[in-house]
Amino acid sequence: MLVGPPGTGKTLLAKAVAGEANVPFFSMSGSDFVEMFVGVGASRVRDLFRQAKEKAPCIIFIDEIDAVAHKRDARGGAGREDEQTLNQILVEMDGFDNDSGVIVMAATNRVDMLDKALLRPGRFDRHVNVTLPERKDRLEILKVHFKGKPVAEDVDLEALAKKTAGSSGADLANIANEAAITAAREGHKVVTNADLTEAFERVAIGPERKSKVMNDKERKITAYHEAGHAIVGHVLPDSDPVHKVTIIPRGSTGGVTWFLPPEDRSYKSVYELKDILARAMGGRVAEKLIFGADAVTTGASSDLRNVAELAKSMIIEEGMGDGTRNLVFPSEATGYYTITTGKPYSEKTAEQIDAEIKKLSNEASVRAENVLKANKAILDKLAEELLAHETLEEKELEPILKGAKLPETAKLHK
């Protein structure tokens, strides 16, 4: 069983195994078995395994197996088409012996949804986790996708690999294609670093909306908003470095402040997550300081949504609350709900979780406000530069942010 997020190359890996072994490859998707008529899926399973036995040695590959192999329950019944299909797969896999010469592979990004009978020893008992690529892997993947494309000599694929933490192989292929399209659109004979940057940002957030006209007041609000994010993120010790700030609308955003981690990390500490919360609040707080507490805009709606989601995850999934430290709570996907709350925990616990989330959000807001008050002159300077130039890269940001200080009131005691 190949398990991993979408776009990580599970299907390609299965094809590569068949190619290296030089054996026939029978491939079907889970959805190919699904039909309106009961019994058709099971019939197709029988036909697939019969053909495979005739051509042995060979490989059977079932992509997106969760389409037909999700957990059975009492609400289903033997007459359901998907359950008949799953039962037939289980029967066919039990019919193999060690000398059959048929290897069965499958892929899914939702292994938690699969029926346990499918995963027991003798069936899909070997799991291969196909994870998102690390930086060195992303560089090699980018080299593959840019092979054959005309690329300028100074193009820095290593810098792009650094930027694309969390991207799958499919995402990287998309960036390579977008870079080639951008180069053609701009009339370039080769793909340049500027084309790479535009492609990455287009894929990550969306295209620039230069046609969107903002009046002077909106531009000033956006400049202070993005400057607030940048300064808070720059000053806090456990935040990622500021990479770029722009007030050019892109996708659904009015402006963007990029923070890039210096290296891929498997874990984040509570200090790092609290710094992420504070820098996310930096935009709303900057608006409040400059334009007044009652003059805040809808520009921070996505920031506030991200703060709420991250704070909730910290409390419910990571056990990072002060009063709920080391406690995690079942997700609503478990299917268990209490009558009073409609959630998988009691009303009293729900109130405690809400209080912890509010506490994290308020703490982030206070820390961001203390940082920006202590660096008001730099906030004004950065906003002015953004209004003048619209986009500032890392090298242009360094002299502006130089001298920014972390006040004692914004520190987390370790």
Protein backbone atom coordinates (compact mmCIF):
# COMPACT_ATOMS: atom_id res chain seq x y z
CA MET A 1 0.00 0.00 0.00
CA LEU A 2 1.47 3.33 -1.10
CA VAL A 3 0.29 6.02 1.29
CA GLY A 4 0.86 9.75 0.95
CA PRO A 5 -0.55 13.18 0.08
CA PRO A 6 -1.82 13.91 -3.45
CA GLY A 7 0.82 14.66 -6.06
CA THR A 8 3.74 12.89 -4.37
CA GLY A 9 4.18 10.30 -7.15
CA LYS A 10 2.48 7.17 -5.81
CA THR A 11 1.17 6.15 -9.23
CA LEU A 12 4.50 6.95 -10.90
CA LEU A 13 6.28 4.83 -8.29
CA ALA A 14 4.01 1.84 -8.99
CA LYS A 15 4.66 2.18 -12.75
CA ALA A 16 8.39 2.42 -12.07
CA VAL A 17 8.30 -0.84 -10.08
CA ALA A 18 6.63 -2.63 -13.00
CA GLY A 19 9.10 -1.08 -15.44
CA GLU A 20 12.14 -2.08 -13.39
CA ALA A 21 10.77 -5.62 -12.94
CA ASN A 22 9.90 -5.77 -16.67
CA VAL A 23 6.54 -7.43 -16.02
CA PRO A 24 2.98 -6.70 -17.24
CA PHE A 25 1.23 -3.88 -15.35
CA PHE A 26 -2.53 -3.99 -14.76
CA SER A 27 -3.74 -0.62 -13.54
CA MET A 28 -7.23 0.48 -12.52
CA SER A 29 -8.59 3.28 -10.40
CA GLY A 30 -10.96 2.63 -7.52
CA SER A 31 -13.61 4.66 -9.32
CA ASP A 32 -13.42 2.27 -12.33
CA PHE A 33 -15.13 -0.37 -10.22
CA VAL A 34 -17.97 1.89 -9.13
CA GLU A 35 -21.19 1.55 -11.12
CA MET A 36 -24.84 2.22 -10.51
CA PHE A 37 -25.68 -1.46 -11.05
CA VAL A 38 -24.99 -3.81 -8.16
CA GLY A 39 -22.49 -6.55 -8.98
CA VAL A 40 -20.66 -4.81 -11.84
CA GLY A 41 -17.74 -3.71 -9.63
CA ALA A 42 -17.28 -7.21 -8.20
CA SER A 43 -17.37 -8.65 -11.73
CA ARG A 44 -14.65 -6.25 -12.85
CA VAL A 45 -12.50 -7.25 -9.87
CA ARG A 46 -12.85 -10.95 -10.84
CA ASP A 47 -11.91 -10.17 -14.47
CA LEU A 48 -8.88 -8.10 -13.40
CA PHE A 49 -7.47 -10.82 -11.15
CA ARG A 50 -8.22 -13.57 -13.72
CA GLN A 51 -6.27 -11.71 -16.41
CA ALA A 52 -3.41 -11.10 -13.97
CA LYS A 53 -3.14 -14.81 -13.12
CA GLU A 54 -2.99 -15.67 -16.82
CA LYS A 55 -0.15 -13.15 -17.38
CA ALA A 56 1.80 -13.93 -14.17
CA PRO A 57 4.31 -12.80 -13.11
CA CYS A 58 2.76 -9.32 -13.13
CA ILE A 59 1.67 -6.39 -10.99
CA ILE A 60 -1.89 -5.29 -10.25
CA PHE A 61 -2.16 -1.64 -9.24
CA ILE A 62 -5.38 -0.14 -7.83
CA ASP A 63 -5.17 3.65 -7.66
CA GLU A 64 -7.39 5.66 -5.26
CA ILE A 65 -8.47 2.44 -3.58
CA ASP A 66 -10.36 4.39 -0.90
CA ALA A 67 -13.13 4.91 -3.51
CA VAL A 68 -14.26 1.30 -2.98
CA ALA A 69 -12.48 0.15 0.18
CA HIS A 70 -13.67 2.51 2.88
CA LYS A 71 -14.73 1.20 6.27
CA ARG A 72 -17.82 -0.97 6.35
CA ASP A 73 -20.40 -0.33 9.05
CA ALA A 74 -23.79 -1.54 10.20
CA ARG A 75 -25.57 1.15 8.21
CA GLY A 76 -24.33 -0.27 4.90
CA GLY A 77 -25.63 -3.74 4.23
CA ALA A 78 -24.43 -6.50 1.94
CA GLY A 79 -26.40 -5.14 -0.98
CA ARG A 80 -24.37 -1.97 -1.39
CA GLU A 81 -22.32 -1.93 -4.59
CA ASP A 82 -19.13 -0.57 -3.00
CA GLU A 83 -19.24 -3.21 -0.25
CA GLN A 84 -19.69 -6.02 -2.78
CA THR A 85 -16.68 -4.70 -4.68
CA LEU A 86 -14.58 -4.53 -1.51
CA ASN A 87 -15.65 -8.06 -0.49
CA GLN A 88 -14.58 -9.37 -3.89
CA ILE A 89 -11.17 -7.70 -3.58
CA LEU A 90 -10.72 -9.33 -0.16
CA VAL A 91 -11.72 -12.75 -1.53
CA GLU A 92 -9.41 -12.49 -4.55
CA MET A 93 -6.42 -11.43 -2.43
CA ASP A 94 -7.04 -14.36 -0.07
CA GLY A 95 -6.95 -16.72 -3.05
CA PHE A 96 -3.30 -15.97 -3.83
CA ASP A 97 -0.48 -18.12 -2.60
CA ASN A 98 3.20 -17.30 -2.46
CA ASP A 99 3.85 -18.88 -5.86
CA SER A 100 1.13 -17.06 -7.80
CA GLY A 101 3.58 -14.51 -9.22
CA VAL A 102 1.04 -11.70 -8.85
CA ILE A 103 1.90 -8.67 -6.71
CA VAL A 104 -0.96 -6.37 -5.73
CA MET A 105 -0.16 -2.69 -5.13
CA ALA A 106 -2.56 0.12 -4.24
CA ALA A 107 -2.39 3.84 -3.54
CA THR A 108 -4.39 6.15 -1.30
CA ASN A 109 -4.08 9.48 0.48
CA ARG A 110 -6.73 8.45 3.04
CA VAL A 111 -5.44 5.29 4.68
CA ASP A 112 -7.50 6.16 7.77
CA MET A 113 -10.69 5.53 5.73
CA LEU A 114 -9.76 2.02 4.60
CA ASP A 115 -11.43 -1.09 5.96
CA LYS A 116 -9.24 -2.91 8.49
CA ALA A 117 -9.77 -6.26 6.73
CA LEU A 118 -7.88 -4.87 3.75
CA LEU A 119 -4.84 -3.99 5.86
CA ARG A 120 -4.42 -7.21 7.81
CA PRO A 121 -1.37 -9.48 7.31
CA GLY A 122 -1.64 -11.42 4.07
CA ARG A 123 -3.32 -8.58 2.22
CA PHE A 124 -1.95 -5.01 2.20
CA ASP A 125 0.37 -5.60 5.13
CA ARG A 126 3.31 -3.58 3.78
CA HIS A 127 2.84 0.18 3.83
CA VAL A 128 5.19 2.57 2.04
CA ASN A 129 4.82 6.20 3.09
CA VAL A 130 5.39 8.47 0.10
CA THR A 131 5.94 11.80 1.82
CA LEU A 132 6.29 15.34 0.51
CA PRO A 133 9.80 15.91 -0.90
CA GLU A 134 12.51 17.55 1.20
CA ARG A 135 14.68 20.38 -0.13
CA LYS A 136 17.30 18.19 -1.85
CA ASP A 137 14.51 16.07 -3.34
CA ARG A 138 12.68 19.16 -4.61
CA LEU A 139 15.87 20.31 -6.34
CA GLU A 140 16.21 16.98 -8.17
CA ILE A 141 12.51 17.04 -9.14
CA LEU A 142 12.85 20.58 -10.48
CA LYS A 143 15.88 19.52 -12.54
CA VAL A 144 13.76 16.77 -14.12
CA HIS A 145 10.92 19.13 -15.02
CA PHE A 146 13.21 21.86 -16.37
CA LYS A 147 15.20 19.38 -18.47
CA GLY A 148 14.51 20.19 -22.11
CA LYS A 149 13.26 23.69 -21.31
CA PRO A 150 15.45 26.65 -22.38
CA VAL A 151 16.74 28.08 -19.08
CA ALA A 152 18.99 31.10 -18.49
CA GLU A 153 22.46 30.29 -17.12
CA ASP A 154 21.91 32.26 -13.92
CA VAL A 155 18.61 30.57 -13.05
CA ASP A 156 18.81 29.40 -9.43
CA LEU A 157 16.78 26.21 -9.03
CA GLU A 158 18.27 25.73 -5.56
CA ALA A 159 16.68 29.00 -4.41
CA LEU A 160 13.34 27.83 -5.84
CA ALA A 161 13.70 24.50 -4.03
CA LYS A 162 14.24 26.45 -0.80
CA LYS A 163 11.09 28.51 -1.37
CA THR A 164 8.81 25.58 -2.13
CA ALA A 165 8.73 23.83 1.26
CA GLY A 166 5.55 21.75 1.50
CA SER A 167 5.14 21.44 -2.28
CA SER A 168 4.49 18.06 -3.88
CA GLY A 169 6.09 16.79 -7.07
CA ALA A 170 2.92 17.73 -8.97
CA ASP A 171 3.15 21.29 -7.59
CA LEU A 172 6.77 21.56 -8.77
CA ALA A 173 5.82 20.29 -12.24
CA ASN A 174 3.11 22.93 -12.33
CA ILE A 175 5.61 25.67 -11.38
CA ALA A 176 7.98 24.53 -14.16
CA ASN A 177 5.17 24.68 -16.73
CA GLU A 178 3.99 28.07 -15.46
CA ALA A 179 7.56 29.42 -15.68
CA ALA A 180 7.78 28.36 -19.34
CA ILE A 181 4.37 29.92 -20.08
CA THR A 182 5.39 33.14 -18.31
CA ALA A 183 8.63 33.31 -20.30
CA ALA A 184 6.69 32.88 -23.56
CA ARG A 185 4.15 35.51 -22.49
CA GLU A 186 6.92 38.00 -21.73
CA GLY A 187 8.70 37.27 -25.00
CA HIS A 188 11.77 35.74 -23.35
CA LYS A 189 13.76 33.18 -25.32
CA VAL A 190 14.83 31.46 -22.09
CA VAL A 191 13.24 31.04 -18.64
CA THR A 192 14.66 33.69 -16.29
CA ASN A 193 14.74 34.01 -12.50
CA ALA A 194 11.94 36.59 -12.77
CA ASP A 195 9.83 34.03 -14.66
CA LEU A 196 10.49 31.46 -11.92
CA THR A 197 9.46 33.88 -9.18
CA GLU A 198 6.28 34.88 -10.99
CA ALA A 199 5.39 31.22 -11.65
CA PHE A 200 5.94 30.25 -8.00
CA GLU A 201 3.84 33.13 -6.67
CA ARG A 202 1.13 32.55 -9.28
CA VAL A 203 0.84 28.88 -8.27
CA ALA A 204 1.07 29.59 -4.51
CA ILE A 205 -1.39 32.50 -4.29
CA GLY A 206 -2.67 33.50 -7.72
CA PRO A 207 -1.85 35.90 -10.54
CA GLU A 208 -1.13 39.58 -9.97
CA ARG A 209 -4.22 41.72 -10.38
CA LYS A 210 -2.59 44.88 -11.70
CA SER A 211 -5.88 45.85 -13.30
CA LYS A 212 -7.41 46.24 -9.82
CA VAL A 213 -7.36 49.95 -9.04
CA MET A 214 -6.96 50.91 -5.37
CA ASN A 215 -7.47 54.47 -4.24
CA ASP A 216 -4.82 56.23 -2.15
CA LYS A 217 -6.53 55.38 1.14
CA GLU A 218 -6.71 51.65 0.32
CA ARG A 219 -3.06 51.62 -0.78
CA LYS A 220 -2.01 53.28 2.48
CA ILE A 221 -4.04 50.81 4.57
CA THR A 222 -2.54 47.88 2.63
CA ALA A 223 1.00 49.26 3.02
CA TYR A 224 0.69 49.56 6.80
CA HIS A 225 -1.06 46.19 7.01
CA GLU A 226 1.76 44.35 5.20
CA ALA A 227 4.42 46.38 7.02
CA GLY A 228 2.86 45.24 10.31
CA HIS A 229 3.20 41.58 9.31
CA ALA A 230 6.79 42.09 8.18
CA ILE A 231 8.04 43.92 11.28
CA VAL A 232 6.43 41.56 13.80
CA GLY A 233 7.74 38.54 11.90
CA HIS A 234 11.21 40.07 11.60
CA VAL A 235 11.53 40.94 15.28
CA LEU A 236 10.14 37.81 16.95
CA PRO A 237 12.97 35.34 17.61
CA ASP A 238 11.23 32.12 16.55
CA SER A 239 9.64 33.46 13.36
CA ASP A 240 10.87 32.69 9.85
CA PRO A 241 12.81 35.47 8.03
CA VAL A 242 10.92 37.97 5.87
CA HIS A 243 11.52 37.20 2.20
CA LYS A 244 9.34 39.66 0.30
CA VAL A 245 6.59 42.24 0.83
CA THR A 246 4.24 43.56 -1.85
CA ILE A 247 1.08 45.66 -1.97
CA ILE A 248 0.20 44.52 -5.49
CA PRO A 249 -3.07 42.53 -5.25
CA ARG A 250 -2.54 38.86 -6.04
CA GLY A 251 -5.24 36.19 -6.15
CA SER A 252 -7.82 37.10 -3.51
CA THR A 253 -5.34 39.10 -1.40
CA GLY A 254 -4.73 42.86 -1.33
CA GLY A 255 -1.02 42.35 -0.63
CA VAL A 256 1.37 39.61 0.45
CA THR A 257 4.16 39.27 3.02
CA TRP A 258 6.30 36.17 2.47
CA PHE A 259 8.13 34.36 5.27
CA LEU A 260 10.45 31.56 4.20
CA PRO A 261 11.92 29.01 6.63
CA PRO A 262 15.72 28.70 6.40
CA GLU A 263 15.37 24.91 6.38
CA ASP A 264 12.70 22.20 6.25
CA ARG A 265 11.43 21.26 9.70
CA SER A 266 9.48 18.23 10.84
CA TYR A 267 8.36 19.78 14.13
CA LYS A 268 7.32 23.21 15.37
CA SER A 269 7.61 24.29 18.98
CA VAL A 270 4.95 26.20 20.90
CA TYR A 271 7.21 29.28 20.68
CA GLU A 272 7.35 29.08 16.89
CA LEU A 273 3.59 28.64 16.61
CA LYS A 274 2.94 31.57 18.96
CA ASP A 275 5.24 33.74 16.82
CA ILE A 276 3.26 32.71 13.73
CA LEU A 277 0.05 33.76 15.51
CA ALA A 278 1.57 37.13 16.49
CA ARG A 279 2.89 37.97 13.02
CA ALA A 280 -0.50 37.02 11.53
CA MET A 281 -2.10 39.57 13.88
CA GLY A 282 0.50 42.20 12.88
CA GLY A 283 -1.57 43.48 9.95
CA ARG A 284 -4.78 44.11 11.93
CA VAL A 285 -2.82 45.64 14.83
CA ALA A 286 -0.91 48.00 12.48
CA GLU A 287 -4.23 49.23 11.06
CA LYS A 288 -5.49 49.81 14.59
CA LEU A 289 -2.39 51.79 15.66
CA ILE A 290 -2.33 54.04 12.58
CA PHE A 291 -5.99 54.54 11.75
CA GLY A 292 -7.69 53.98 15.11
CA ALA A 293 -9.34 51.07 16.89
CA ASP A 294 -12.69 51.64 15.16
CA ALA A 295 -11.21 52.00 11.68
CA VAL A 296 -10.06 48.39 11.14
CA THR A 297 -11.02 46.91 7.76
CA THR A 298 -12.03 43.57 6.26
CA GLY A 299 -8.46 43.18 4.93
CA ALA A 300 -7.50 41.08 7.96
CA SER A 301 -10.33 38.54 7.62
CA SER A 302 -8.10 35.77 6.20
CA ASP A 303 -5.44 36.50 8.85
CA LEU A 304 -7.98 36.18 11.64
CA ARG A 305 -9.31 32.97 10.12
CA ASN A 306 -5.78 31.53 10.00
CA VAL A 307 -5.19 32.56 13.62
CA ALA A 308 -8.40 30.85 14.74
CA GLU A 309 -7.59 27.64 12.83
CA LEU A 310 -3.99 27.46 14.07
CA ALA A 311 -4.97 28.24 17.67
CA LYS A 312 -7.69 25.57 17.53
CA SER A 313 -5.19 23.03 16.16
CA MET A 314 -2.69 23.91 18.92
CA ILE A 315 -5.32 23.26 21.60
CA ILE A 316 -7.26 20.30 20.19
CA GLU A 317 -4.58 18.38 18.29
CA GLU A 318 -1.23 19.36 19.83
CA GLY A 319 -1.96 19.71 23.58
CA MET A 320 -0.46 23.22 23.79
CA GLY A 321 -3.05 25.00 25.92
CA ASP A 322 -2.09 26.28 29.38
CA GLY A 323 -5.05 24.59 31.06
CA THR A 324 -5.18 21.67 28.63
CA ARG A 325 -1.46 20.95 28.33
CA ASN A 326 -0.76 17.38 27.19
CA LEU A 327 -4.46 16.81 26.44
CA VAL A 328 -5.73 16.20 22.91
CA PHE A 329 -9.34 15.77 21.91
CA PRO A 330 -10.93 13.47 19.32
CA SER A 331 -11.74 15.10 16.00
CA GLU A 332 -15.32 15.44 14.84
CA ALA A 333 -14.46 13.02 12.01
CA THR A 334 -14.53 10.16 14.53
CA GLY A 335 -18.30 10.16 14.26
CA TYR A 336 -18.84 10.38 18.03
CA TYR A 337 -20.87 13.36 19.23
CA THR A 338 -22.34 14.31 22.58
CA ILE A 339 -26.02 15.26 22.60
CA THR A 340 -25.46 18.66 24.28
CA THR A 341 -22.62 20.05 22.16
CA GLY A 342 -22.74 18.15 18.87
CA LYS A 343 -18.96 17.68 19.34
CA PRO A 344 -16.89 14.71 20.51
CA TYR A 345 -16.39 16.23 23.98
CA SER A 346 -18.50 17.66 26.79
CA GLU A 347 -19.95 21.16 27.04
CA LYS A 348 -17.58 22.04 29.87
CA THR A 349 -14.60 20.90 27.79
CA ALA A 350 -15.87 22.86 24.78
CA GLU A 351 -16.00 26.02 26.93
CA GLN A 352 -12.46 25.37 28.16
CA ILE A 353 -11.21 24.89 24.56
CA ASP A 354 -12.91 28.12 23.47
CA ALA A 355 -11.28 29.97 26.37
CA GLU A 356 -7.83 28.59 25.47
CA ILE A 357 -8.25 29.59 21.80
CA LYS A 358 -9.32 33.10 22.81
CA LYS A 359 -6.35 33.34 25.19
CA LEU A 360 -3.88 32.44 22.42
CA SER A 361 -5.47 34.93 20.02
CA ASN A 362 -5.44 37.76 22.56
CA GLU A 363 -1.85 37.01 23.54
CA ALA A 364 -0.81 37.17 19.86
CA SER A 365 -2.57 40.51 19.43
CA VAL A 366 -0.91 42.01 22.54
CA ARG A 367 2.57 40.82 21.49
CA ALA A 368 2.13 42.22 17.97
CA GLU A 369 0.96 45.57 19.40
CA ASN A 370 3.94 45.78 21.76
CA VAL A 371 6.36 45.09 18.90
CA LEU A 372 4.80 47.67 16.59
CA LYS A 373 4.60 50.37 19.29
CA ALA A 374 8.29 49.87 20.01
CA ASN A 375 9.12 50.12 16.29
CA LYS A 376 6.67 52.81 15.16
CA ALA A 377 9.30 54.76 13.18
CA ILE A 378 10.31 51.65 11.22
CA LEU A 379 6.63 50.85 10.59
CA ASP A 380 6.16 54.30 9.04
CA LYS A 381 9.36 53.98 7.00
CA LEU A 382 8.47 50.54 5.61
CA ALA A 383 4.95 51.68 4.70
CA GLU A 384 6.39 54.72 2.86
CA GLU A 385 8.79 52.51 0.88
CA LEU A 386 5.97 50.14 -0.06
CA LEU A 387 3.82 53.04 -1.27
CA ALA A 388 6.76 54.26 -3.36
CA HIS A 389 7.96 50.92 -4.80
CA GLU A 390 4.99 48.50 -4.26
CA THR A 391 7.31 45.47 -3.91
CA LEU A 392 10.38 45.05 -1.68
CA GLU A 393 12.68 42.03 -1.86
CA GLU A 394 14.76 40.61 1.01
CA LYS A 395 17.88 42.68 0.20
CA GLU A 396 15.82 45.89 0.04
CA LEU A 397 14.10 45.07 3.34
CA GLU A 398 17.32 44.54 5.31
CA PRO A 399 18.37 48.23 5.65
CA ILE A 400 14.80 49.31 6.44
CA LEU A 401 14.30 46.71 9.18
CA LYS A 402 17.79 47.21 10.63
CA GLY A 403 17.55 48.42 14.21
CA ALA A 404 14.10 46.95 14.87
CA LYS A 405 14.00 45.80 18.50
CA LEU A 406 12.15 43.19 20.51
CA PRO A 407 10.55 44.75 23.61
CA GLU A 408 10.54 42.82 26.88
CA THR A 409 6.73 42.79 26.83
CA ALA A 410 6.72 40.76 23.57
CA LYS A 411 9.11 38.05 24.80
CA LEU A 412 7.98 34.56 25.72
CA HIS A 413 9.78 33.36 28.84
CA LYS A 414 11.57 30.10 28.11
